[in-house]
Structure formats: structure tokens, C-alpha cells
PDB file of N, CA and C in Angstrom:
ATOM      1  N   MET A   1      67.378  93.866  78.528  1.00  0.00           N
ATOM      2  CA  MET A   1      68.101  94.836  77.882  1.00  0.00           C
ATOM      3  C   MET A   1      68.971  95.627  78.771  1.00  0.00           C
ATOM      4  N   LYS A   2      70.166  95.917  78.537  1.00  0.00           N
ATOM      5  CA  LYS A   2      71.205  96.598  79.358  1.00  0.00           C
ATOM      6  C   LYS A   2      71.319  98.061  78.606  1.00  0.00           C
ATOM      7  N   ILE A   3      71.130  99.008  79.542  1.00  0.00           N
ATOM      8  CA  ILE A   3      71.248 100.399  78.960  1.00  0.00           C
ATOM      9  C   ILE A   3      72.339 101.028  79.836  1.00  0.00           C
ATOM     10  N   LEU A   4      73.220 101.692  79.240  1.00  0.00           N
ATOM     11  CA  LEU A   4      74.257 102.488  79.842  1.00  0.00           C
ATOM     12  C   LEU A   4      74.001 103.941  79.750  1.00  0.00           C
ATOM     13  N   VAL A   5      73.874 104.584  80.924  1.00  0.00           N
ATOM     14  CA  VAL A   5      73.636 106.138  80.856  1.00  0.00           C
ATOM     15  C   VAL A   5      74.747 106.630  81.540  1.00  0.00           C
ATOM     16  N   THR A   6      75.500 107.685  80.970  1.00  0.00           N
ATOM     17  CA  THR A   6      76.725 108.263  81.541  1.00  0.00           C
ATOM     18  C   THR A   6      76.878 109.754  81.082  1.00  0.00           C
ATOM     19  N   GLN A   7      77.596 110.501  81.943  1.00  0.00           N
ATOM     20  CA  GLN A   7      78.024 111.680  81.534  1.00  0.00           C
ATOM     21  C   GLN A   7      79.323 111.639  80.739  1.00  0.00           C
ATOM     22  N   SER A   8      79.534 112.678  79.969  1.00  0.00           N
ATOM     23  CA  SER A   8      80.920 112.675  78.964  1.00  0.00           C
ATOM     24  C   SER A   8      82.021 112.762  79.899  1.00  0.00           C
ATOM     25  N   ASN A   9      83.263 112.237  79.382  1.00  0.00           N
ATOM     26  CA  ASN A   9      84.480 112.475  80.098  1.00  0.00           C
ATOM     27  C   ASN A   9      85.482 112.769  78.863  1.00  0.00           C
ATOM     28  N   PHE A  10      86.519 113.543  79.240  1.00  0.00           N
ATOM     29  CA  PHE A  10      87.567 113.859  78.347  1.00  0.00           C
ATOM     30  C   PHE A  10      88.562 112.635  78.447  1.00  0.00           C
ATOM     31  N   PHE A  11      88.742 111.943  77.412  1.00  0.00           N
ATOM     32  CA  PHE A  11      89.526 110.801  77.287  1.00  0.00           C
ATOM     33  C   PHE A  11      88.937 109.820  78.410  1.00  0.00           C
ATOM     34  N   PRO A  12      88.038 108.960  78.148  1.00  0.00           N
ATOM     35  CA  PRO A  12      87.425 108.128  79.151  1.00  0.00           C
ATOM     36  C   PRO A  12      88.264 106.880  79.292  1.00  0.00           C
ATOM     37  N   TRP A  13      88.337 106.275  80.384  1.00  0.00           N
ATOM     38  CA  TRP A  13      89.197 105.305  80.755  1.00  0.00           C
ATOM     39  C   TRP A  13      88.839 104.012  79.864  1.00  0.00           C
ATOM     40  N   ILE A  14      89.900 103.033  79.609  1.00  0.00           N
ATOM     41  CA  ILE A  14      89.620 102.050  78.730  1.00  0.00           C
ATOM     42  C   ILE A  14      88.489 101.046  78.994  1.00  0.00           C
ATOM     43  N   GLY A  15      88.083 100.767  80.146  1.00  0.00           N
ATOM     44  CA  GLY A  15      87.004  99.952  80.624  1.00  0.00           C
ATOM     45  C   GLY A  15      85.731 100.599  80.127  1.00  0.00           C
ATOM     46  N   PHE A  16      85.653 101.770  79.820  1.00  0.00           N
ATOM     47  CA  PHE A  16      84.459 102.464  79.428  1.00  0.00           C
ATOM     48  C   PHE A  16      84.057 101.987  78.136  1.00  0.00           C
ATOM     49  N   PHE A  17      84.908 101.538  77.224  1.00  0.00           N
ATOM     50  CA  PHE A  17      84.509 101.016  75.932  1.00  0.00           C
ATOM     51  C   PHE A  17      83.982  99.632  76.053  1.00  0.00           C
ATOM     52  N   ASP A  18      84.531  98.850  77.099  1.00  0.00           N
ATOM     53  CA  ASP A  18      83.944  97.503  77.266  1.00  0.00           C
ATOM     54  C   ASP A  18      82.563  97.658  77.905  1.00  0.00           C
ATOM     55  N   ILE A  19      82.265  98.685  78.666  1.00  0.00           N
ATOM     56  CA  ILE A  19      80.784  98.813  79.277  1.00  0.00           C
ATOM     57  C   ILE A  19      79.932  99.108  77.997  1.00  0.00           C
ATOM     58  N   ILE A  20      80.427 100.037  77.132  1.00  0.00           N
ATOM     59  CA  ILE A  20      79.544 100.394  75.920  1.00  0.00           C
ATOM     60  C   ILE A  20      79.260  99.015  75.204  1.00  0.00           C
ATOM     61  N   ASN A  21      80.380  98.392  74.864  1.00  0.00           N
ATOM     62  CA  ASN A  21      80.238  97.126  74.102  1.00  0.00           C
ATOM     63  C   ASN A  21      79.308  96.107  74.728  1.00  0.00           C
ATOM     64  N   TYR A  22      79.219  96.086  76.017  1.00  0.00           N
ATOM     65  CA  TYR A  22      78.391  95.183  76.906  1.00  0.00           C
ATOM     66  C   TYR A  22      76.980  95.663  76.862  1.00  0.00           C
ATOM     67  N   SER A  23      76.625  96.946  76.647  1.00  0.00           N
ATOM     68  CA  SER A  23      75.408  97.538  76.634  1.00  0.00           C
ATOM     69  C   SER A  23      74.575  97.367  75.415  1.00  0.00           C
ATOM     70  N   ASP A  24      73.195  97.341  75.360  1.00  0.00           N
ATOM     71  CA  ASP A  24      72.431  97.337  74.220  1.00  0.00           C
ATOM     72  C   ASP A  24      72.093  98.766  73.781  1.00  0.00           C
ATOM     73  N   CYS A  25      71.958  99.693  74.808  1.00  0.00           N
ATOM     74  CA  CYS A  25      71.777 101.080  74.416  1.00  0.00           C
ATOM     75  C   CYS A  25      72.760 101.936  75.259  1.00  0.00           C
ATOM     76  N   TYR A  26      73.245 103.078  74.532  1.00  0.00           N
ATOM     77  CA  TYR A  26      74.039 103.947  75.245  1.00  0.00           C
ATOM     78  C   TYR A  26      73.684 105.296  75.105  1.00  0.00           C
ATOM     79  N   VAL A  27      73.559 105.978  76.272  1.00  0.00           N
ATOM     80  CA  VAL A  27      72.939 107.290  76.378  1.00  0.00           C
ATOM     81  C   VAL A  27      73.810 108.197  77.008  1.00  0.00           C
ATOM     82  N   ILE A  28      74.231 109.318  76.332  1.00  0.00           N
ATOM     83  CA  ILE A  28      75.018 110.353  77.013  1.00  0.00           C
ATOM     84  C   ILE A  28      74.220 111.296  77.718  1.00  0.00           C
ATOM     85  N   TYR A  29      74.439 111.409  79.030  1.00  0.00           N
ATOM     86  CA  TYR A  29      73.506 112.357  79.806  1.00  0.00           C
ATOM     87  C   TYR A  29      74.183 113.653  79.893  1.00  0.00           C
ATOM     88  N   ASP A  30      73.839 114.541  79.067  1.00  0.00           N
ATOM     89  CA  ASP A  30      74.571 115.910  79.226  1.00  0.00           C
ATOM     90  C   ASP A  30      73.647 117.077  79.451  1.00  0.00           C
ATOM     91  N   GLU A  31      72.443 116.787  80.033  1.00  0.00           N
ATOM     92  CA  GLU A  31      71.476 117.694  80.360  1.00  0.00           C
ATOM     93  C   GLU A  31      71.610 118.084  81.967  1.00  0.00           C
ATOM     94  N   VAL A  32      72.836 117.955  82.376  1.00  0.00           N
ATOM     95  CA  VAL A  32      73.040 118.186  83.805  1.00  0.00           C
ATOM     96  C   VAL A  32      74.191 119.248  83.884  1.00  0.00           C
ATOM     97  N   GLN A  33      74.432 119.846  85.060  1.00  0.00           N
ATOM     98  CA  GLN A  33      75.335 120.824  85.387  1.00  0.00           C
ATOM     99  C   GLN A  33      76.669 120.350  85.156  1.00  0.00           C
ATOM    100  N   PHE A  34      77.417 121.064  84.298  1.00  0.00           N
ATOM    101  CA  PHE A  34      78.949 120.891  84.081  1.00  0.00           C
ATOM    102  C   PHE A  34      79.708 121.078  85.444  1.00  0.00           C
ATOM    103  N   THR A  35      80.498 119.992  85.628  1.00  0.00           N
ATOM    104  CA  THR A  35      81.256 119.980  86.916  1.00  0.00           C
ATOM    105  C   THR A  35      82.563 120.536  86.531  1.00  0.00           C
ATOM    106  N   ARG A  36      83.233 121.585  87.278  1.00  0.00           N
ATOM    107  CA  ARG A  36      84.618 122.023  86.964  1.00  0.00           C
ATOM    108  C   ARG A  36      85.693 121.103  87.672  1.00  0.00           C
ATOM    109  N   ARG A  37      86.866 121.258  87.209  1.00  0.00           N
ATOM    110  CA  ARG A  37      87.984 120.552  87.747  1.00  0.00           C
ATOM    111  C   ARG A  37      87.620 119.118  87.943  1.00  0.00           C
ATOM    112  N   ASP A  38      86.963 118.493  86.861  1.00  0.00           N
ATOM    113  CA  ASP A  38      86.616 116.953  86.936  1.00  0.00           C
ATOM    114  C   ASP A  38      87.062 116.489  85.599  1.00  0.00           C
ATOM    115  N   TRP A  39      86.800 115.231  85.438  1.00  0.00           N
ATOM    116  CA  TRP A  39      87.025 114.434  84.298  1.00  0.00           C
ATOM    117  C   TRP A  39      86.274 114.747  82.954  1.00  0.00           C
ATOM    118  N   ARG A  40      85.258 115.728  83.295  1.00  0.00           N
ATOM    119  CA  ARG A  40      84.484 116.274  82.020  1.00  0.00           C
ATOM    120  C   ARG A  40      85.626 117.125  81.030  1.00  0.00           C
ATOM    121  N   SER A  41      86.430 117.848  81.689  1.00  0.00           N
ATOM    122  CA  SER A  41      87.334 118.653  80.809  1.00  0.00           C
ATOM    123  C   SER A  41      88.777 118.377  80.969  1.00  0.00           C
ATOM    124  N   ARG A  42      89.148 117.520  81.652  1.00  0.00           N
ATOM    125  CA  ARG A  42      90.557 117.319  81.849  1.00  0.00           C
ATOM    126  C   ARG A  42      90.987 115.795  82.294  1.00  0.00           C
ATOM    127  N   ASN A  43      92.305 115.502  82.014  1.00  0.00           N
ATOM    128  CA  ASN A  43      92.654 114.169  82.338  1.00  0.00           C
ATOM    129  C   ASN A  43      94.228 114.208  82.150  1.00  0.00           C
ATOM    130  N   LYS A  44      94.846 113.147  82.572  1.00  0.00           N
ATOM    131  CA  LYS A  44      96.274 113.240  82.502  1.00  0.00           C
ATOM    132  C   LYS A  44      96.836 112.489  81.344  1.00  0.00           C
ATOM    133  N   LEU A  45      97.916 113.150  80.813  1.00  0.00           N
ATOM    134  CA  LEU A  45      98.640 112.419  79.698  1.00  0.00           C
ATOM    135  C   LEU A  45      99.991 111.862  80.206  1.00  0.00           C
ATOM    136  N   ILE A  46     100.390 110.796  79.692  1.00  0.00           N
ATOM    137  CA  ILE A  46     101.599 110.082  80.016  1.00  0.00           C
ATOM    138  C   ILE A  46     102.613 110.482  78.918  1.00  0.00           C
ATOM    139  N   PHE A  47     103.881 110.983  79.201  1.00  0.00           N
ATOM    140  CA  PHE A  47     104.655 111.404  78.272  1.00  0.00           C
ATOM    141  C   PHE A  47     105.972 110.317  78.123  1.00  0.00           C
ATOM    142  N   ASP A  48     106.353 109.985  77.081  1.00  0.00           N
ATOM    143  CA  ASP A  48     107.495 109.172  76.874  1.00  0.00           C
ATOM    144  C   ASP A  48     107.319 107.744  77.598  1.00  0.00           C
ATOM    145  N   ASP A  49     106.189 107.291  77.596  1.00  0.00           N
ATOM    146  CA  ASP A  49     105.771 105.870  78.109  1.00  0.00           C
ATOM    147  C   ASP A  49     106.316 105.790  79.580  1.00  0.00           C
ATOM    148  N   ASN A  50     106.413 106.850  80.335  1.00  0.00           N
ATOM    149  CA  ASN A  50     106.791 106.924  81.630  1.00  0.00           C
ATOM    150  C   ASN A  50     105.815 107.347  82.383  1.00  0.00           C
ATOM    151  N   ILE A  51     105.237 106.562  83.322  1.00  0.00           N
ATOM    152  CA  ILE A  51     104.135 106.722  84.154  1.00  0.00           C
ATOM    153  C   ILE A  51     104.383 107.755  85.179  1.00  0.00           C
ATOM    154  N   ASN A  52     105.532 108.072  85.419  1.00  0.00           N
ATOM    155  CA  ASN A  52     106.063 109.093  86.451  1.00  0.00           C
ATOM    156  C   ASN A  52     105.904 110.497  85.628  1.00  0.00           C
ATOM    157  N   ARG A  53     105.847 110.530  84.483  1.00  0.00           N
ATOM    158  CA  ARG A  53     105.805 111.888  83.686  1.00  0.00           C
ATOM    159  C   ARG A  53     104.421 112.280  83.290  1.00  0.00           C
ATOM    160  N   GLN A  54     103.406 111.946  84.176  1.00  0.00           N
ATOM    161  CA  GLN A  54     102.003 112.450  83.935  1.00  0.00           C
ATOM    162  C   GLN A  54     101.826 113.891  84.086  1.00  0.00           C
ATOM    163  N   LYS A  55     101.031 114.355  83.132  1.00  0.00           N
ATOM    164  CA  LYS A  55     100.722 115.964  83.324  1.00  0.00           C
ATOM    165  C   LYS A  55      99.401 116.117  83.015  1.00  0.00           C
ATOM    166  N   TRP A  56      98.659 116.866  83.931  1.00  0.00           N
ATOM    167  CA  TRP A  56      97.340 117.291  83.633  1.00  0.00           C
ATOM    168  C   TRP A  56      97.164 117.968  82.362  1.00  0.00           C
ATOM    169  N   PHE A  57      96.064 117.694  81.636  1.00  0.00           N
ATOM    170  CA  PHE A  57      95.724 118.304  80.215  1.00  0.00           C
ATOM    171  C   PHE A  57      94.300 118.606  80.399  1.00  0.00           C
ATOM    172  N   SER A  58      94.060 119.963  80.329  1.00  0.00           N
ATOM    173  CA  SER A  58      92.756 120.484  80.299  1.00  0.00           C
ATOM    174  C   SER A  58      92.277 121.114  79.086  1.00  0.00           C
ATOM    175  N   LEU A  59      90.897 120.934  78.741  1.00  0.00           N
ATOM    176  CA  LEU A  59      90.535 121.440  77.646  1.00  0.00           C
ATOM    177  C   LEU A  59      90.249 122.978  77.891  1.00  0.00           C
ATOM    178  N   PRO A  60      90.533 123.805  76.910  1.00  0.00           N
ATOM    179  CA  PRO A  60      90.275 125.343  77.205  1.00  0.00           C
ATOM    180  C   PRO A  60      88.858 125.570  76.798  1.00  0.00           C
ATOM    181  N   ILE A  61      88.029 125.595  77.771  1.00  0.00           N
ATOM    182  CA  ILE A  61      86.471 125.804  77.721  1.00  0.00           C
ATOM    183  C   ILE A  61      86.129 127.126  78.039  1.00  0.00           C
ATOM    184  N   GLN A  62      85.004 127.569  77.455  1.00  0.00           N
ATOM    185  CA  GLN A  62      84.293 128.840  77.786  1.00  0.00           C
ATOM    186  C   GLN A  62      83.850 128.644  79.200  1.00  0.00           C
ATOM    187  N   LYS A  63      84.385 129.568  80.116  1.00  0.00           N
ATOM    188  CA  LYS A  63      84.066 129.700  81.525  1.00  0.00           C
ATOM    189  C   LYS A  63      83.077 130.898  81.953  1.00  0.00           C
ATOM    190  N   LYS A  64      83.445 131.981  81.377  1.00  0.00           N
ATOM    191  CA  LYS A  64      82.766 133.222  81.760  1.00  0.00           C
ATOM    192  C   LYS A  64      81.125 133.111  81.462  1.00  0.00           C
ATOM    193  N   GLY A  65      80.487 133.377  82.670  1.00  0.00           N
ATOM    194  CA  GLY A  65      79.011 133.274  82.581  1.00  0.00           C
ATOM    195  C   GLY A  65      78.387 131.875  82.370  1.00  0.00           C
ATOM    196  N   GLN A  66      79.290 130.859  82.556  1.00  0.00           N
ATOM    197  CA  GLN A  66      78.792 129.464  82.400  1.00  0.00           C
ATOM    198  C   GLN A  66      78.810 128.669  83.525  1.00  0.00           C
ATOM    199  N   TYR A  67      78.898 129.313  84.795  1.00  0.00           N
ATOM    200  CA  TYR A  67      79.024 128.538  86.089  1.00  0.00           C
ATOM    201  C   TYR A  67      77.959 127.511  86.225  1.00  0.00           C
ATOM    202  N   LEU A  68      76.727 127.832  85.955  1.00  0.00           N
ATOM    203  CA  LEU A  68      75.643 126.790  86.076  1.00  0.00           C
ATOM    204  C   LEU A  68      75.100 126.164  84.709  1.00  0.00           C
ATOM    205  N   ALA A  69      75.919 126.187  83.676  1.00  0.00           N
ATOM    206  CA  ALA A  69      75.675 125.657  82.526  1.00  0.00           C
ATOM    207  C   ALA A  69      75.610 124.187  82.524  1.00  0.00           C
ATOM    208  N   ASN A  70      74.712 123.661  81.566  1.00  0.00           N
ATOM    209  CA  ASN A  70      74.740 122.150  81.408  1.00  0.00           C
ATOM    210  C   ASN A  70      75.895 121.719  80.517  1.00  0.00           C
ATOM    211  N   ILE A  71      76.241 120.472  80.630  1.00  0.00           N
ATOM    212  CA  ILE A  71      77.422 119.850  79.878  1.00  0.00           C
ATOM    213  C   ILE A  71      77.215 120.086  78.404  1.00  0.00           C
ATOM    214  N   GLU A  72      76.010 120.120  77.874  1.00  0.00           N
ATOM    215  CA  GLU A  72      75.728 120.268  76.503  1.00  0.00           C
ATOM    216  C   GLU A  72      75.919 121.777  76.073  1.00  0.00           C
ATOM    217  N   ASP A  73      75.980 122.618  76.964  1.00  0.00           N
ATOM    218  CA  ASP A  73      76.257 124.103  76.606  1.00  0.00           C
ATOM    219  C   ASP A  73      77.735 124.637  76.608  1.00  0.00           C
ATOM    220  N   ILE A  74      78.543 123.705  77.078  1.00  0.00           N
ATOM    221  CA  ILE A  74      79.956 123.984  77.194  1.00  0.00           C
ATOM    222  C   ILE A  74      80.651 123.773  75.837  1.00  0.00           C
ATOM    223  N   SER A  75      81.572 124.800  75.529  1.00  0.00           N
ATOM    224  CA  SER A  75      82.357 124.589  74.339  1.00  0.00           C
ATOM    225  C   SER A  75      83.749 124.984  74.368  1.00  0.00           C
ATOM    226  N   ILE A  76      84.547 124.354  73.571  1.00  0.00           N
ATOM    227  CA  ILE A  76      86.024 124.862  73.465  1.00  0.00           C
ATOM    228  C   ILE A  76      85.965 126.224  72.874  1.00  0.00           C
ATOM    229  N   VAL A  77      86.999 127.085  73.590  1.00  0.00           N
ATOM    230  CA  VAL A  77      87.111 128.478  73.234  1.00  0.00           C
ATOM    231  C   VAL A  77      87.321 128.786  71.870  1.00  0.00           C
ATOM    232  N   SER A  78      88.405 128.212  71.326  1.00  0.00           N
ATOM    233  CA  SER A  78      88.566 128.794  69.892  1.00  0.00           C
ATOM    234  C   SER A  78      89.184 127.639  68.923  1.00  0.00           C
ATOM    235  N   THR A  79      89.273 127.917  67.615  1.00  0.00           N
ATOM    236  CA  THR A  79      89.782 126.812  66.739  1.00  0.00           C
ATOM    237  C   THR A  79      91.262 126.686  66.997  1.00  0.00           C
ATOM    238  N   SER A  80      91.934 127.827  67.430  1.00  0.00           N
ATOM    239  CA  SER A  80      93.502 127.703  67.644  1.00  0.00           C
ATOM    240  C   SER A  80      93.656 126.862  68.691  1.00  0.00           C
ATOM    241  N   ASP A  81      92.741 126.958  69.808  1.00  0.00           N
ATOM    242  CA  ASP A  81      92.845 125.953  70.920  1.00  0.00           C
ATOM    243  C   ASP A  81      92.612 124.519  70.461  1.00  0.00           C
ATOM    244  N   LYS A  82      91.860 124.338  69.584  1.00  0.00           N
ATOM    245  CA  LYS A  82      91.709 122.975  69.178  1.00  0.00           C
ATOM    246  C   LYS A  82      92.928 122.379  68.497  1.00  0.00           C
ATOM    247  N   ILE A  83      93.585 123.330  67.670  1.00  0.00           N
ATOM    248  CA  ILE A  83      94.928 123.095  67.076  1.00  0.00           C
ATOM    249  C   ILE A  83      95.968 122.650  68.225  1.00  0.00           C
ATOM    250  N   MET A  84      95.915 123.405  69.397  1.00  0.00           N
ATOM    251  CA  MET A  84      96.912 123.196  70.549  1.00  0.00           C
ATOM    252  C   MET A  84      96.715 121.928  71.105  1.00  0.00           C
ATOM    253  N   ILE A  85      95.322 121.419  71.080  1.00  0.00           N
ATOM    254  CA  ILE A  85      95.072 120.179  71.804  1.00  0.00           C
ATOM    255  C   ILE A  85      95.689 119.152  70.914  1.00  0.00           C
ATOM    256  N   VAL A  86      95.507 119.028  69.707  1.00  0.00           N
ATOM    257  CA  VAL A  86      96.104 118.048  68.702  1.00  0.00           C
ATOM    258  C   VAL A  86      97.705 118.236  68.840  1.00  0.00           C
ATOM    259  N   ASN A  87      98.239 119.357  69.024  1.00  0.00           N
ATOM    260  CA  ASN A  87      99.692 119.417  69.142  1.00  0.00           C
ATOM    261  C   ASN A  87     100.103 118.839  70.354  1.00  0.00           C
ATOM    262  N   LYS A  88      99.469 119.058  71.479  1.00  0.00           N
ATOM    263  CA  LYS A  88      99.894 118.517  72.820  1.00  0.00           C
ATOM    264  C   LYS A  88      99.717 116.854  72.721  1.00  0.00           C
ATOM    265  N   LEU A  89      98.613 116.416  72.067  1.00  0.00           N
ATOM    266  CA  LEU A  89      98.512 115.023  72.035  1.00  0.00           C
ATOM    267  C   LEU A  89      99.614 114.342  71.137  1.00  0.00           C
ATOM    268  N   LYS A  90     100.008 115.089  70.006  1.00  0.00           N
ATOM    269  CA  LYS A  90     101.027 114.610  69.231  1.00  0.00           C
ATOM    270  C   LYS A  90     102.328 114.470  69.989  1.00  0.00           C
ATOM    271  N   ALA A  91     102.589 115.595  70.874  1.00  0.00           N
ATOM    272  CA  ALA A  91     103.815 115.561  71.495  1.00  0.00           C
ATOM    273  C   ALA A  91     103.976 114.417  72.544  1.00  0.00           C
ATOM    274  N   ALA A  92     102.717 114.022  73.052  1.00  0.00           N
ATOM    275  CA  ALA A  92     102.693 113.013  74.077  1.00  0.00           C
ATOM    276  C   ALA A  92     102.660 111.698  73.453  1.00  0.00           C
ATOM    277  N   TYR A  93     101.982 111.449  72.360  1.00  0.00           N
ATOM    278  CA  TYR A  93     101.759 110.039  71.838  1.00  0.00           C
ATOM    279  C   TYR A  93     102.153 109.941  70.364  1.00  0.00           C
ATOM    280  N   GLY A  94     102.809 110.912  69.730  1.00  0.00           N
ATOM    281  CA  GLY A  94     103.303 110.947  68.379  1.00  0.00           C
ATOM    282  C   GLY A  94     104.122 109.783  67.999  1.00  0.00           C
ATOM    283  N   ASN A  95     104.824 109.372  68.725  1.00  0.00           N
ATOM    284  CA  ASN A  95     105.886 108.319  68.601  1.00  0.00           C
ATOM    285  C   ASN A  95     105.187 106.788  68.855  1.00  0.00           C
ATOM    286  N   ASN A  96     104.022 106.775  69.199  1.00  0.00           N
ATOM    287  CA  ASN A  96     103.314 105.499  69.377  1.00  0.00           C
ATOM    288  C   ASN A  96     102.974 104.871  68.073  1.00  0.00           C
ATOM    289  N   ARG A  97     103.191 103.599  67.999  1.00  0.00           N
ATOM    290  CA  ARG A  97     102.950 102.886  66.727  1.00  0.00           C
ATOM    291  C   ARG A  97     101.648 103.092  66.032  1.00  0.00           C
ATOM    292  N   PHE A  98     100.483 103.351  66.916  1.00  0.00           N
ATOM    293  CA  PHE A  98      99.216 103.502  66.293  1.00  0.00           C
ATOM    294  C   PHE A  98      98.866 105.012  65.973  1.00  0.00           C
ATOM    295  N   TRP A  99      99.811 105.886  66.430  1.00  0.00           N
ATOM    296  CA  TRP A  99      99.545 107.400  66.028  1.00  0.00           C
ATOM    297  C   TRP A  99      99.025 107.621  64.491  1.00  0.00           C
ATOM    298  N   GLN A 100      99.603 107.104  63.527  1.00  0.00           N
ATOM    299  CA  GLN A 100      99.320 107.354  62.252  1.00  0.00           C
ATOM    300  C   GLN A 100      97.906 106.927  61.969  1.00  0.00           C
ATOM    301  N   GLU A 101      97.504 105.820  62.454  1.00  0.00           N
ATOM    302  CA  GLU A 101      96.106 105.261  62.273  1.00  0.00           C
ATOM    303  C   GLU A 101      95.075 106.283  62.795  1.00  0.00           C
ATOM    304  N   ILE A 102      95.426 106.910  64.027  1.00  0.00           N
ATOM    305  CA  ILE A 102      94.358 107.734  64.505  1.00  0.00           C
ATOM    306  C   ILE A 102      94.461 109.250  64.177  1.00  0.00           C
ATOM    307  N   SER A 103      95.394 109.625  63.582  1.00  0.00           N
ATOM    308  CA  SER A 103      95.657 111.003  63.366  1.00  0.00           C
ATOM    309  C   SER A 103      95.208 111.285  61.810  1.00  0.00           C
TER     310      SER A 103
END
């Protein structure tokens, strides 16, 4: 039996889904300390299919008093921030031929 144990990532790399597919059991290990300035809460978006136009995109997360918090205890600040996330994704990938399928 193949077991995958991993921590969460904001927009995981494409090979991540191959690993999940290859595994018999998938476990999200989120009972560990949240790491700041890491792939847990940020990633790069590519604009206009131009690899040179990459921009960092960070989730607006609750930080105050959460320095030693576990991954499972971290949350996005507000509903309006969730709307902002969708709008940024649409700006980056809205012209993609698969955008309608996933939105």
C-alpha cells in the first residue's frame, strides 16, 4: 500500500496530482505549525501566458496572534478577500479556454 502524507499548498504543482493518483491513501498533515512566506499561503501566477510576467499571489490570512498556530487553525481574513482572490485568478486566467469549466 502506498500512502501519501503531505502538508497543504496554495495551488500545488501539477505533479502533485500524479502523486495522489499513484497513492492508495492520501493524508493532509495539517496538525503542524504554519510556515510563513511559504507555499502554504502563496504562489506565483502567470499573466497573459507570459512566463516573464509572474507575480506573487498571497492569501490574505489571519496573522495577529497566530505565529505558532497550526496549519489547520489558519483562515482567510474575510469574505471580501475571498472575492478578491477569485477576481485576481480571473484576471490572470479568465481568457484560458478552460476557465468556464472551472468557474
